[in-house]
Amino acid sequence: MPSDTDNYSTLSSKEQHGSLPESFTAEEPPTTYQPEAIKVARTNSRASQAESDPMLDRELSRRLTNADSVATDVRKQEESGEPIPPMGNGKPYPPPLPDSALYTVSYDGPDDPLHPHNWALRRKVIAVLSIGFHTFSVAFGSALFSSAIPYLDAQFHVASVVSTLGVSLYVLGFASGPILWAPLSELYGRKPVLVISIIITTCFHFGAAAAKDFQTIMLCRFFAGFFGAAPLAVVPASFADLFGNETRGYAVACFSMAVFVGPMLAPIAGGFISSSYLGWRWTEYIIGIMSAASIGFDLIFYEETHHPIILVEKARTIKRRTGIWGIHAPHDEFQLSIREIAEKNITRPLVMLFTEPVILLVTIYNAFIYGILYLFLTAYPIVFAEGYGFASGVAELPYIALIIGMLFGGIYIIHMEKFYLKMLKENGGKPVPEARLPGMIFGAVAFPIGLLWFTWTGNYHEHIHWIVPTLSGLFSGFGLIVIFIPSLNYIVDSYLIFAASALAGNTFLRSGFGAAFPMFASFMFHGMGTNWAGLLIGLFAAALIPVPLFFLKYGKRLRERSKYAFVL
């Protein structure tokens, strides 16, 4: 991947085809682009203005497809003397084509209605609601199964920690799935990836519901999570497609609420479903029905939002209507084989995760928070079902306090958007990622308070009323969401055109934590005691309070050294 200081130049005929006969040459048009122009394309608050330049469109497609590394492979073939394949039937190579820029489509100025930033509000809301429900159903499915664990223990005669794999394997699928789906969405668009993933996920949910043995249930749960994980990385990237810098924060806040509220709402419903005449299998049937509904919503109401792919469809329409076969979009110029996609693009999220300090450090904090979210699925039943003796369903009702805390946190973050918009205006409409972080400080303080409150009051159920540990959820929920939303917005603002890959790397690590925490939570809370286990994780959460302060001071410097992110 070239750095932003590289000059922009088109791929020459040699770069595309290897060594050509001397008689077969074409004069290259002067197409050098300065780094500042590329930066504007990636940060301009009116993205459609920057993307109305076909040369900038081409550069964006080049970067998204990682075409420069493919061109390097072609040069190696040329240097090795590997001949170009013949045309066939003895035909000579055709004469050189005219300048491709004449046939390259682009957006028609900053107000082009085709560009998603310029879509009508109603059109955007319909798209957001569709993929928002998709995200909620996937997140809801991760935790609804947790209420079925005691019933699986009894039916299949396994230990509780083994049945907990049904949750952990699903979330482990979240870790691995986005590594595939995010780069594919950058190459082929958001809609195909979302639709294909939810169709396959639906099949595995119904497979788990109808499974006759324990191992089939576990396998179906993992693959349901793997294929269902697409929206965790693709949906925030789609929001970046739809909304400019002024409004994207509100959309990402809604996405984050779906990601966090879903797992907390699910055990409440699952507890009553599993203990009713329906039985535990209906926890999977209901997720399957919700996923099937998502298929319809995505197919009918969600329109493609990825800017390069919209131009591909525009070029296809013009080509069909005019019959001029050379008309194309910038994205059409870079055709990759399956091997090249696997080698050059599928690895990008992991490369970004472990080479970009901004992504790695934010993700570590993010991952801890996400792990605690799923640890609560084990900790709350220990406190309220085992400690206070609540029945299934009732024991999950204290999650409501967590949900209320999250709602308050979401309202607070939306209020903080006023501060971000002020900083955005002062910066000429260009993103100011660090301006997302001041509100995160309050969440970082509230979160360990909620953890310590819950575990120390919940440990003494003989003497303390159940409402006391329940109310701790107001602080825990507030802290969870107020940490998560700014960190997600910070990553999106820092890596706009690579948002899907950046978020896939983030999802990989945090979902790994989400899968691991439920596995040791029971041993830790029973072995150490609820109070001391809570002290351990509470102190760790307190030690992470300086993280937003660190990025407020050093975040800009870290981004200046990045080849994926930068500072104007």
Protein backbone atom coordinates (compact mmCIF):
# COMPACT_ATOMS: atom_id res chain seq x y z
CA MET A 1 0.00 0.00 0.00
CA PRO A 2 1.57 3.31 -1.01
CA SER A 3 1.97 6.12 1.46
CA ASP A 4 0.20 9.42 1.00
CA THR A 5 3.45 11.02 -0.14
CA ASP A 6 3.51 8.86 -3.27
CA ASN A 7 2.63 10.54 -6.54
CA TYR A 8 -0.51 9.41 -8.25
CA SER A 9 -0.01 7.78 -11.62
CA THR A 10 -2.06 5.48 -13.79
CA LEU A 11 -1.09 1.94 -14.57
CA SER A 12 0.71 1.90 -17.90
CA SER A 13 0.09 -0.71 -20.54
CA LYS A 14 3.25 -2.49 -19.47
CA GLU A 15 2.06 -2.61 -15.88
CA GLN A 16 -1.19 -4.16 -17.03
CA HIS A 17 0.08 -6.64 -19.55
CA GLY A 18 3.83 -7.18 -19.08
CA SER A 19 6.36 -6.60 -21.89
CA LEU A 20 4.61 -5.63 -25.10
CA PRO A 21 6.12 -5.69 -28.59
CA GLU A 22 7.94 -2.46 -29.43
CA SER A 23 5.35 -1.63 -32.06
CA PHE A 24 2.66 -1.89 -29.43
CA THR A 25 3.09 1.19 -27.26
CA ALA A 26 0.84 3.98 -26.11
CA GLU A 27 1.64 7.46 -25.00
CA GLU A 28 0.78 7.93 -21.32
CA PRO A 29 -1.30 10.99 -20.48
CA PRO A 30 0.13 13.27 -17.79
CA THR A 31 -1.80 12.11 -14.72
CA THR A 32 0.34 13.02 -11.75
CA TYR A 33 -1.66 13.88 -8.65
CA GLN A 34 -0.21 15.64 -5.63
CA PRO A 35 -0.59 14.11 -2.14
CA GLU A 36 -2.76 17.02 -0.97
CA ALA A 37 -5.39 16.13 -3.55
CA ILE A 38 -5.57 12.57 -2.28
CA LYS A 39 -5.89 13.84 1.30
CA VAL A 40 -8.79 16.06 0.29
CA ALA A 41 -10.51 13.05 -1.28
CA ARG A 42 -10.27 11.19 2.01
CA THR A 43 -11.24 13.96 4.41
CA ASN A 44 -13.37 16.53 2.58
CA SER A 45 -16.63 17.07 4.42
CA ARG A 46 -18.31 17.14 1.01
CA ALA A 47 -17.03 13.79 -0.18
CA SER A 48 -19.06 14.02 -3.37
CA GLN A 49 -17.07 17.11 -4.35
CA ALA A 50 -13.77 15.27 -4.09
CA GLU A 51 -15.16 12.15 -5.72
CA SER A 52 -16.46 14.02 -8.76
CA ASP A 53 -12.85 13.98 -9.98
CA PRO A 54 -12.33 10.68 -11.87
CA MET A 55 -8.60 10.67 -11.10
CA LEU A 56 -9.29 10.78 -7.36
CA ASP A 57 -11.95 8.10 -7.77
CA ARG A 58 -9.34 5.95 -9.45
CA GLU A 59 -6.86 6.49 -6.65
CA LEU A 60 -9.44 5.52 -4.04
CA SER A 61 -10.25 2.33 -5.96
CA ARG A 62 -6.55 1.59 -6.34
CA ARG A 63 -6.08 1.82 -2.58
CA LEU A 64 -9.20 -0.17 -1.70
CA THR A 65 -8.26 -3.02 -4.06
CA ASN A 66 -4.56 -2.87 -3.13
CA ALA A 67 -3.86 -2.79 -6.86
CA ASP A 68 -0.33 -1.43 -6.50
CA SER A 69 0.88 -4.69 -4.99
CA VAL A 70 -0.72 -6.54 -7.91
CA ALA A 71 1.07 -4.21 -10.35
CA THR A 72 4.33 -5.07 -8.58
CA ASP A 73 3.68 -8.75 -9.28
CA VAL A 74 3.14 -7.93 -12.96
CA ARG A 75 6.44 -6.04 -13.09
CA LYS A 76 8.19 -9.09 -11.69
CA GLN A 77 6.69 -11.15 -14.51
CA GLU A 78 7.98 -8.59 -17.00
CA GLU A 79 11.47 -8.61 -15.49
CA SER A 80 11.58 -12.40 -15.55
CA GLY A 81 10.90 -12.34 -19.30
CA GLU A 82 7.59 -14.19 -19.01
CA PRO A 83 5.82 -13.74 -22.38
CA ILE A 84 2.39 -12.23 -22.72
CA PRO A 85 -0.28 -14.77 -23.73
CA PRO A 86 -1.15 -14.55 -27.45
CA MET A 87 -4.50 -13.17 -28.60
CA GLY A 88 -5.40 -16.55 -30.16
CA ASN A 89 -6.13 -17.73 -33.68
CA GLY A 90 -3.01 -15.93 -34.88
CA LYS A 91 -4.53 -12.49 -34.30
CA PRO A 92 -2.07 -9.63 -33.63
CA TYR A 93 -2.31 -7.44 -30.57
CA PRO A 94 -4.91 -4.71 -31.16
CA PRO A 95 -3.90 -1.05 -31.51
CA PRO A 96 -3.67 0.99 -28.28
CA LEU A 97 -6.91 2.36 -26.90
CA PRO A 98 -7.60 6.09 -26.32
CA ASP A 99 -7.02 7.68 -22.92
CA SER A 100 -9.17 5.70 -20.47
CA ALA A 101 -10.11 8.92 -18.63
CA LEU A 102 -12.48 9.76 -21.51
CA TYR A 103 -14.50 6.64 -20.72
CA THR A 104 -14.34 6.78 -16.91
CA VAL A 105 -17.53 7.79 -15.08
CA SER A 106 -17.54 9.91 -11.92
CA TYR A 107 -19.97 11.75 -9.69
CA ASP A 108 -21.52 14.81 -11.30
CA GLY A 109 -20.27 17.49 -8.90
CA PRO A 110 -20.76 17.93 -5.14
CA ASP A 111 -24.56 17.85 -5.34
CA ASP A 112 -24.93 14.72 -7.45
CA PRO A 113 -28.09 12.99 -6.12
CA LEU A 114 -26.46 9.63 -6.89
CA HIS A 115 -23.90 10.15 -4.12
CA PRO A 116 -25.19 8.71 -0.79
CA HIS A 117 -24.30 11.89 1.13
CA ASN A 118 -26.89 13.70 -1.00
CA TRP A 119 -29.69 11.18 -0.65
CA ALA A 120 -32.96 12.38 0.85
CA LEU A 121 -33.22 11.94 4.62
CA ARG A 122 -36.11 9.47 4.25
CA ARG A 123 -34.00 7.31 1.94
CA LYS A 124 -31.12 7.30 4.42
CA VAL A 125 -33.39 6.50 7.37
CA ILE A 126 -34.89 3.50 5.56
CA ALA A 127 -31.40 2.17 4.83
CA VAL A 128 -30.29 2.73 8.44
CA LEU A 129 -33.36 1.03 9.90
CA SER A 130 -32.86 -1.97 7.63
CA ILE A 131 -29.22 -2.63 8.47
CA GLY A 132 -29.83 -1.49 12.06
CA PHE A 133 -32.34 -4.30 12.52
CA HIS A 134 -29.86 -6.68 10.87
CA THR A 135 -27.21 -5.65 13.40
CA PHE A 136 -29.62 -5.92 16.32
CA SER A 137 -30.75 -9.42 15.32
CA VAL A 138 -27.13 -10.62 15.15
CA ALA A 139 -26.24 -9.08 18.51
CA PHE A 140 -29.50 -10.33 20.04
CA GLY A 141 -28.67 -13.84 18.83
CA SER A 142 -25.33 -13.81 20.61
CA ALA A 143 -26.91 -13.71 24.06
CA LEU A 144 -30.42 -15.15 23.70
CA PHE A 145 -28.85 -18.60 23.79
CA SER A 146 -27.32 -17.94 27.23
CA SER A 147 -30.67 -18.57 28.90
CA ALA A 148 -30.79 -22.03 27.36
CA ILE A 149 -27.57 -23.17 29.08
CA PRO A 150 -29.16 -24.84 32.17
CA TYR A 151 -31.59 -26.75 29.94
CA LEU A 152 -28.79 -27.97 27.66
CA ASP A 153 -26.88 -29.12 30.75
CA ALA A 154 -29.84 -31.26 31.80
CA GLN A 155 -30.73 -32.61 28.36
CA PHE A 156 -27.22 -33.49 27.15
CA HIS A 157 -25.64 -34.18 30.57
CA VAL A 158 -22.75 -31.74 30.20
CA ALA A 159 -21.18 -29.26 32.59
CA SER A 160 -22.37 -25.66 32.52
CA VAL A 161 -19.02 -24.39 31.26
CA VAL A 162 -19.35 -26.72 28.25
CA SER A 163 -22.81 -25.38 27.39
CA THR A 164 -21.42 -21.86 27.70
CA LEU A 165 -19.47 -22.66 24.54
CA GLY A 166 -22.74 -21.97 22.71
CA VAL A 167 -22.26 -18.30 23.53
CA SER A 168 -18.46 -18.21 23.27
CA LEU A 169 -18.31 -19.98 19.90
CA TYR A 170 -20.88 -17.60 18.46
CA VAL A 171 -18.89 -14.58 19.61
CA LEU A 172 -15.69 -16.27 18.42
CA GLY A 173 -17.34 -16.32 15.00
CA PHE A 174 -17.69 -12.54 15.39
CA ALA A 175 -13.90 -12.39 15.76
CA SER A 176 -13.08 -14.30 12.59
CA GLY A 177 -15.98 -13.38 10.30
CA PRO A 178 -15.26 -9.66 9.73
CA ILE A 179 -11.72 -10.47 8.55
CA LEU A 180 -13.40 -11.94 5.47
CA TRP A 181 -16.46 -9.74 5.12
CA ALA A 182 -14.92 -6.28 5.54
CA PRO A 183 -12.40 -6.44 2.65
CA LEU A 184 -15.00 -8.11 0.42
CA SER A 185 -17.39 -5.23 1.11
CA GLU A 186 -14.69 -2.77 0.01
CA LEU A 187 -14.20 -4.73 -3.22
CA TYR A 188 -17.76 -5.74 -4.13
CA GLY A 189 -20.02 -3.49 -2.10
CA ARG A 190 -21.88 -3.56 1.20
CA LYS A 191 -25.22 -5.03 0.09
CA PRO A 192 -24.01 -8.33 -1.45
CA VAL A 193 -21.90 -9.05 1.63
CA LEU A 194 -24.72 -8.28 4.07
CA VAL A 195 -27.33 -10.26 2.15
CA ILE A 196 -25.16 -13.35 1.58
CA SER A 197 -24.00 -13.39 5.19
CA ILE A 198 -27.50 -13.14 6.69
CA ILE A 199 -28.88 -15.86 4.38
CA ILE A 200 -26.21 -18.33 5.51
CA THR A 201 -26.59 -17.25 9.14
CA THR A 202 -30.33 -17.93 9.03
CA CYS A 203 -29.70 -21.48 7.86
CA PHE A 204 -27.33 -22.18 10.75
CA HIS A 205 -29.75 -20.74 13.33
CA PHE A 206 -32.48 -23.10 12.18
CA GLY A 207 -29.88 -25.87 12.09
CA ALA A 208 -29.04 -25.27 15.75
CA ALA A 209 -32.73 -25.17 16.65
CA ALA A 210 -33.41 -28.55 15.06
CA ALA A 211 -30.10 -30.27 15.98
CA LYS A 212 -30.33 -33.69 17.61
CA ASP A 213 -26.92 -33.76 19.29
CA PHE A 214 -24.80 -31.34 21.29
CA GLN A 215 -21.87 -31.07 18.90
CA THR A 216 -24.15 -30.06 16.00
CA ILE A 217 -25.57 -27.25 18.12
CA MET A 218 -22.09 -25.96 18.92
CA LEU A 219 -20.94 -26.12 15.27
CA CYS A 220 -24.07 -24.33 14.07
CA ARG A 221 -23.61 -21.64 16.71
CA PHE A 222 -20.04 -20.96 15.60
CA PHE A 223 -20.89 -20.72 11.91
CA ALA A 224 -23.97 -18.60 12.67
CA GLY A 225 -21.63 -16.15 14.41
CA PHE A 226 -18.97 -16.35 11.68
CA PHE A 227 -21.37 -15.58 8.84
CA GLY A 228 -23.51 -13.27 10.93
CA ALA A 229 -20.58 -11.06 11.90
CA ALA A 230 -20.63 -9.04 8.66
CA PRO A 231 -22.68 -6.08 10.01
CA LEU A 232 -20.29 -5.54 12.92
CA ALA A 233 -17.70 -4.19 10.47
CA VAL A 234 -19.73 -3.42 7.35
CA VAL A 235 -22.60 -1.42 8.88
CA PRO A 236 -20.43 1.34 10.45
CA ALA A 237 -18.60 1.57 7.11
CA SER A 238 -21.97 1.91 5.40
CA PHE A 239 -22.83 4.74 7.80
CA ALA A 240 -19.58 6.41 6.74
CA ASP A 241 -20.79 6.01 3.14
CA LEU A 242 -24.17 7.57 3.93
CA PHE A 243 -23.30 10.40 6.30
CA GLY A 244 -20.77 13.20 6.23
CA ASN A 245 -18.62 14.28 9.12
CA GLU A 246 -21.43 16.41 10.57
CA THR A 247 -23.97 13.61 10.97
CA ARG A 248 -22.03 10.33 11.04
CA GLY A 249 -21.63 10.40 14.85
CA TYR A 250 -25.39 10.11 15.36
CA ALA A 251 -25.60 7.09 13.06
CA VAL A 252 -22.68 5.29 14.73
CA ALA A 253 -24.32 5.94 18.12
CA CYS A 254 -27.45 4.14 16.92
CA PHE A 255 -25.34 1.24 15.65
CA SER A 256 -23.51 0.96 18.98
CA MET A 257 -26.79 0.88 20.87
CA ALA A 258 -27.89 -2.09 18.75
CA VAL A 259 -24.58 -3.89 19.42
CA PHE A 260 -24.81 -3.41 23.20
CA VAL A 261 -28.52 -3.33 23.99
CA GLY A 262 -29.15 -6.53 22.00
CA PRO A 263 -27.00 -8.81 24.22
CA MET A 264 -28.51 -7.30 27.38
CA LEU A 265 -32.13 -7.49 26.23
CA ALA A 266 -31.78 -11.04 24.91
CA PRO A 267 -31.35 -12.91 28.27
CA ILE A 268 -34.57 -11.36 29.59
CA ALA A 269 -36.57 -12.75 26.66
CA GLY A 270 -34.56 -15.98 26.61
CA GLY A 271 -35.16 -16.69 30.28
CA PHE A 272 -38.93 -16.62 29.91
CA ILE A 273 -38.84 -18.52 26.60
CA SER A 274 -36.64 -21.33 27.89
CA SER A 275 -38.67 -21.83 31.06
CA SER A 276 -42.00 -21.81 29.19
CA TYR A 277 -43.67 -24.63 27.26
CA LEU A 278 -41.77 -23.50 24.15
CA GLY A 279 -38.44 -24.76 25.50
CA TRP A 280 -34.85 -23.75 24.83
CA ARG A 281 -34.97 -24.60 21.10
CA TRP A 282 -37.21 -21.61 20.51
CA THR A 283 -34.38 -19.28 21.48
CA GLU A 284 -32.77 -20.39 18.21
CA TYR A 285 -36.01 -20.48 16.23
CA ILE A 286 -36.74 -16.88 17.18
CA ILE A 287 -33.25 -15.74 16.13
CA GLY A 288 -33.72 -17.61 12.86
CA ILE A 289 -37.06 -15.86 12.25
CA MET A 290 -35.48 -12.47 12.99
CA SER A 291 -32.62 -13.26 10.62
CA ALA A 292 -35.06 -14.31 7.89
CA ALA A 293 -36.84 -10.97 8.33
CA SER A 294 -33.46 -9.23 7.95
CA ILE A 295 -33.00 -10.93 4.58
CA GLY A 296 -36.21 -9.33 3.32
CA PHE A 297 -35.39 -5.91 4.77
CA ASP A 298 -31.90 -5.89 3.25
CA LEU A 299 -33.10 -7.03 -0.16
CA ILE A 300 -36.05 -4.65 -0.37
CA PHE A 301 -35.10 -1.55 1.59
CA TYR A 302 -31.31 -1.38 1.69
CA GLU A 303 -29.57 0.18 -1.30
CA GLU A 304 -25.88 -0.11 -2.06
CA THR A 305 -23.98 2.71 -0.33
CA HIS A 306 -20.33 2.02 -1.22
CA HIS A 307 -19.32 4.96 -3.41
CA PRO A 308 -17.08 3.09 -5.92
CA ILE A 309 -19.71 0.37 -6.45
CA ILE A 310 -22.42 2.95 -7.15
CA LEU A 311 -20.19 4.27 -9.94
CA VAL A 312 -19.83 0.72 -11.26
CA GLU A 313 -23.61 0.49 -11.57
CA LYS A 314 -23.73 3.94 -13.19
CA ALA A 315 -21.13 2.87 -15.78
CA ARG A 316 -23.03 -0.35 -16.44
CA THR A 317 -26.24 1.60 -17.08
CA ILE A 318 -24.57 4.08 -19.46
CA LYS A 319 -22.77 1.25 -21.27
CA ARG A 320 -26.03 -0.65 -21.70
CA ARG A 321 -27.87 2.41 -23.01
CA THR A 322 -25.15 3.70 -25.36
CA GLY A 323 -23.48 0.49 -26.48
CA ILE A 324 -20.03 2.01 -25.90
CA TRP A 325 -18.27 -0.94 -24.30
CA GLY A 326 -15.30 1.09 -23.07
CA ILE A 327 -17.33 3.09 -20.52
CA HIS A 328 -16.34 1.99 -17.05
CA ALA A 329 -16.00 3.01 -13.39
CA PRO A 330 -12.61 3.43 -11.69
CA HIS A 331 -13.31 0.29 -9.66
CA ASP A 332 -13.62 -1.73 -12.89
CA GLU A 333 -9.99 -1.07 -13.78
CA PHE A 334 -8.65 -3.28 -10.99
CA GLN A 335 -9.64 -6.91 -11.44
CA LEU A 336 -8.30 -9.28 -8.81
CA SER A 337 -8.15 -13.05 -8.76
CA ILE A 338 -9.36 -15.02 -5.75
CA ARG A 339 -5.74 -15.67 -4.79
CA GLU A 340 -4.90 -11.96 -5.01
CA ILE A 341 -7.94 -11.08 -2.91
CA ALA A 342 -6.86 -13.58 -0.27
CA GLU A 343 -3.21 -12.51 -0.27
CA LYS A 344 -3.58 -8.74 -0.72
CA ASN A 345 -6.93 -7.79 0.85
CA ILE A 346 -8.23 -10.41 3.30
CA THR A 347 -5.12 -9.89 5.41
CA ARG A 348 -5.56 -6.11 5.54
CA PRO A 349 -7.67 -5.96 8.77
CA LEU A 350 -5.07 -7.96 10.71
CA VAL A 351 -2.20 -5.95 9.22
CA MET A 352 -3.93 -2.73 10.26
CA LEU A 353 -4.73 -4.06 13.73
CA PHE A 354 -1.15 -4.99 14.57
CA THR A 355 0.69 -2.20 12.70
CA GLU A 356 -1.54 0.77 13.47
CA PRO A 357 -1.02 1.94 17.08
CA VAL A 358 -4.29 3.88 17.05
CA ILE A 359 -6.34 0.80 16.16
CA LEU A 360 -4.42 -1.55 18.44
CA LEU A 361 -4.50 0.61 21.58
CA VAL A 362 -8.12 1.71 21.18
CA THR A 363 -9.13 -1.88 20.42
CA ILE A 364 -7.47 -3.27 23.56
CA TYR A 365 -9.60 -0.94 25.70
CA ASN A 366 -12.62 -1.65 23.51
CA ALA A 367 -12.02 -5.39 23.81
CA PHE A 368 -11.91 -5.30 27.61
CA ILE A 369 -15.22 -3.41 27.71
CA TYR A 370 -16.80 -5.84 25.25
CA GLY A 371 -15.51 -8.81 27.24
CA ILE A 372 -17.17 -7.47 30.39
CA LEU A 373 -20.43 -7.14 28.47
CA TYR A 374 -20.44 -10.90 27.89
CA LEU A 375 -19.03 -11.63 31.34
CA PHE A 376 -22.24 -10.10 32.71
CA LEU A 377 -24.16 -12.95 31.04
CA THR A 378 -22.53 -15.25 33.60
CA ALA A 379 -22.10 -12.84 36.52
CA TYR A 380 -25.72 -11.64 36.73
CA PRO A 381 -27.22 -15.17 37.01
CA ILE A 382 -24.63 -15.98 39.71
CA VAL A 383 -25.71 -12.97 41.76
CA PHE A 384 -29.46 -12.95 41.14
CA ALA A 385 -30.32 -16.59 40.41
CA GLU A 386 -27.88 -18.35 42.74
CA GLY A 387 -27.54 -15.57 45.32
CA TYR A 388 -31.02 -14.07 45.55
CA GLY A 389 -32.82 -17.21 44.33
CA PHE A 390 -34.71 -15.58 41.47
CA ALA A 391 -36.44 -17.86 38.96
CA SER A 392 -35.42 -18.09 35.29
CA GLY A 393 -36.61 -14.98 33.48
CA VAL A 394 -36.96 -12.96 36.68
CA ALA A 395 -33.23 -13.40 37.37
CA GLU A 396 -32.50 -11.63 34.08
CA LEU A 397 -34.71 -8.59 34.77
CA PRO A 398 -31.85 -6.65 36.47
CA TYR A 399 -30.34 -6.32 32.98
CA ILE A 400 -32.95 -3.59 32.48
CA ALA A 401 -30.87 -1.26 34.66
CA LEU A 402 -27.90 -1.87 32.35
CA ILE A 403 -30.06 -1.07 29.33
CA ILE A 404 -31.33 2.15 30.95
CA GLY A 405 -27.73 3.13 31.70
CA MET A 406 -26.84 2.51 28.05
CA LEU A 407 -29.74 4.68 26.90
CA PHE A 408 -28.57 7.51 29.13
CA GLY A 409 -25.08 7.01 27.75
CA GLY A 410 -26.36 7.19 24.19
CA ILE A 411 -28.20 10.43 24.95
CA TYR A 412 -25.05 11.87 26.51
CA ILE A 413 -22.94 10.99 23.46
CA ILE A 414 -25.50 12.55 21.13
CA HIS A 415 -25.35 15.68 23.28
CA MET A 416 -21.55 15.69 22.99
CA GLU A 417 -21.89 15.85 19.20
CA LYS A 418 -22.37 19.61 19.65
CA PHE A 419 -18.78 19.88 20.87
CA TYR A 420 -17.55 17.75 17.96
CA LEU A 421 -19.44 19.84 15.40
CA LYS A 422 -17.90 22.98 16.87
CA MET A 423 -14.40 21.52 16.49
CA LEU A 424 -15.27 20.30 13.00
CA LYS A 425 -16.31 23.78 11.95
CA GLU A 426 -13.12 25.30 13.35
CA ASN A 427 -11.12 22.74 11.32
CA GLY A 428 -12.73 23.72 8.03
CA GLY A 429 -15.15 20.78 7.92
CA LYS A 430 -12.40 18.14 8.08
CA PRO A 431 -12.57 15.33 10.68
CA VAL A 432 -11.08 15.94 14.11
CA PRO A 433 -10.89 12.40 15.55
CA GLU A 434 -9.59 13.48 18.98
CA ALA A 435 -12.67 15.68 19.44
CA ARG A 436 -14.65 12.45 19.88
CA LEU A 437 -12.80 11.55 23.09
CA PRO A 438 -13.58 14.09 25.87
CA GLY A 439 -16.95 12.47 26.63
CA MET A 440 -15.24 9.09 26.85
CA ILE A 441 -13.46 10.22 30.04
CA PHE A 442 -16.74 10.22 31.98
CA GLY A 443 -17.54 6.72 30.77
CA ALA A 444 -14.06 5.54 31.77
CA VAL A 445 -14.71 6.77 35.34
CA ALA A 446 -18.31 5.52 35.59
CA PHE A 447 -17.54 2.00 34.39
CA PRO A 448 -15.28 0.78 37.25
CA ILE A 449 -17.66 2.42 39.74
CA GLY A 450 -20.50 0.30 38.36
CA LEU A 451 -18.38 -2.87 38.38
CA LEU A 452 -17.24 -2.47 42.00
CA TRP A 453 -20.73 -1.47 43.13
CA PHE A 454 -22.31 -4.54 41.49
CA THR A 455 -19.82 -7.14 42.73
CA TRP A 456 -19.39 -5.93 46.32
CA THR A 457 -23.08 -5.39 47.01
CA GLY A 458 -24.09 -8.51 45.07
CA ASN A 459 -21.75 -10.65 47.15
CA TYR A 460 -23.69 -10.02 50.38
CA HIS A 461 -27.18 -11.03 49.25
CA GLU A 462 -28.17 -12.08 52.78
CA HIS A 463 -27.89 -8.49 54.05
CA ILE A 464 -28.31 -6.22 51.01
CA HIS A 465 -31.56 -5.80 49.08
CA TRP A 466 -31.46 -6.93 45.44
CA ILE A 467 -32.23 -3.41 44.18
CA VAL A 468 -28.79 -2.19 45.31
CA PRO A 469 -26.68 -4.35 42.94
CA THR A 470 -29.35 -3.87 40.28
CA LEU A 471 -28.92 -0.08 40.32
CA SER A 472 -25.20 -0.47 39.68
CA GLY A 473 -26.19 -1.25 36.11
CA LEU A 474 -26.95 2.43 35.56
CA PHE A 475 -23.25 3.21 35.97
CA SER A 476 -21.98 0.07 34.20
CA GLY A 477 -24.31 0.55 31.22
CA PHE A 478 -23.50 4.25 30.97
CA GLY A 479 -19.77 3.52 31.07
CA LEU A 480 -19.99 0.72 28.49
CA ILE A 481 -21.70 2.81 25.85
CA VAL A 482 -19.83 6.06 26.53
CA ILE A 483 -16.52 4.25 26.09
CA PHE A 484 -17.57 2.22 23.07
CA ILE A 485 -19.23 4.87 20.86
CA PRO A 486 -16.42 7.47 20.95
CA SER A 487 -13.76 4.82 20.37
CA LEU A 488 -15.69 3.48 17.36
CA ASN A 489 -16.17 7.00 15.98
CA TYR A 490 -12.49 7.70 16.59
CA ILE A 491 -11.48 4.74 14.41
CA VAL A 492 -13.95 5.65 11.65
CA ASP A 493 -12.81 9.29 11.59
CA SER A 494 -9.17 8.23 11.46
CA TYR A 495 -9.56 5.63 8.67
CA LEU A 496 -12.43 6.82 6.51
CA ILE A 497 -11.94 4.90 3.26
CA PHE A 498 -10.56 1.89 5.14
CA ALA A 499 -13.26 2.03 7.83
CA ALA A 500 -14.51 -1.51 7.13
CA SER A 501 -11.02 -3.05 7.42
CA ALA A 502 -10.15 -0.96 10.48
CA LEU A 503 -13.36 -2.00 12.21
CA ALA A 504 -12.83 -5.64 11.19
CA GLY A 505 -9.50 -5.59 13.02
CA ASN A 506 -11.22 -3.99 15.99
CA THR A 507 -14.02 -6.57 15.91
CA PHE A 508 -11.51 -9.43 15.66
CA LEU A 509 -9.81 -8.59 18.96
CA ARG A 510 -12.81 -7.43 20.96
CA SER A 511 -14.89 -10.44 19.91
CA GLY A 512 -12.01 -12.67 20.99
CA PHE A 513 -12.30 -11.11 24.44
CA GLY A 514 -16.10 -11.47 24.29
CA ALA A 515 -15.71 -15.17 23.56
CA ALA A 516 -13.14 -15.81 26.29
CA PHE A 517 -14.65 -13.91 29.24
CA PRO A 518 -17.79 -16.08 29.70
CA MET A 519 -15.59 -19.20 29.76
CA PHE A 520 -13.64 -18.21 32.88
CA ALA A 521 -16.27 -16.00 34.53
CA SER A 522 -17.98 -18.84 36.39
CA PHE A 523 -14.71 -20.24 37.75
CA MET A 524 -13.50 -16.78 38.73
CA PHE A 525 -16.68 -15.68 40.49
CA HIS A 526 -17.16 -18.98 42.30
CA GLY A 527 -13.50 -19.49 43.14
CA MET A 528 -12.53 -15.96 44.19
CA GLY A 529 -15.92 -14.82 45.38
CA THR A 530 -18.04 -12.21 43.64
CA ASN A 531 -16.46 -9.36 45.61
CA TRP A 532 -12.80 -10.21 44.96
CA ALA A 533 -13.40 -11.14 41.33
CA GLY A 534 -15.11 -7.78 40.94
CA LEU A 535 -12.22 -6.02 42.62
CA LEU A 536 -9.80 -7.55 40.09
CA ILE A 537 -11.71 -6.47 37.00
CA GLY A 538 -12.75 -3.16 38.61
CA LEU A 539 -9.15 -2.18 39.31
CA PHE A 540 -8.16 -3.14 35.77
CA ALA A 541 -10.97 -0.93 34.45
CA ALA A 542 -9.75 1.90 36.70
CA ALA A 543 -6.21 1.48 35.35
CA LEU A 544 -7.59 2.12 31.84
CA ILE A 545 -9.11 5.50 32.76
CA PRO A 546 -6.08 7.42 31.33
CA VAL A 547 -6.55 5.86 27.84
CA PRO A 548 -8.69 8.68 26.38
CA LEU A 549 -6.33 11.23 27.94
CA PHE A 550 -3.41 9.50 26.21
CA PHE A 551 -5.06 9.76 22.81
CA LEU A 552 -6.10 13.36 23.38
CA LYS A 553 -2.42 14.17 23.82
CA TYR A 554 -0.67 11.76 21.45
CA GLY A 555 -3.37 10.58 19.01
CA LYS A 556 -2.54 13.14 16.33
CA ARG A 557 1.15 12.21 16.40
CA LEU A 558 0.33 8.52 16.03
CA ARG A 559 -1.90 9.20 13.04
CA GLU A 560 0.78 11.31 11.40
CA ARG A 561 3.02 8.22 11.24
CA SER A 562 0.35 6.00 9.70
CA LYS A 563 0.13 5.04 6.04
CA TYR A 564 -3.62 4.45 6.35
CA ALA A 565 -4.53 7.47 8.46
CA PHE A 566 -3.12 10.97 8.36
CA VAL A 567 -3.58 14.53 9.54
CA LEU A 568 -4.20 17.60 7.43
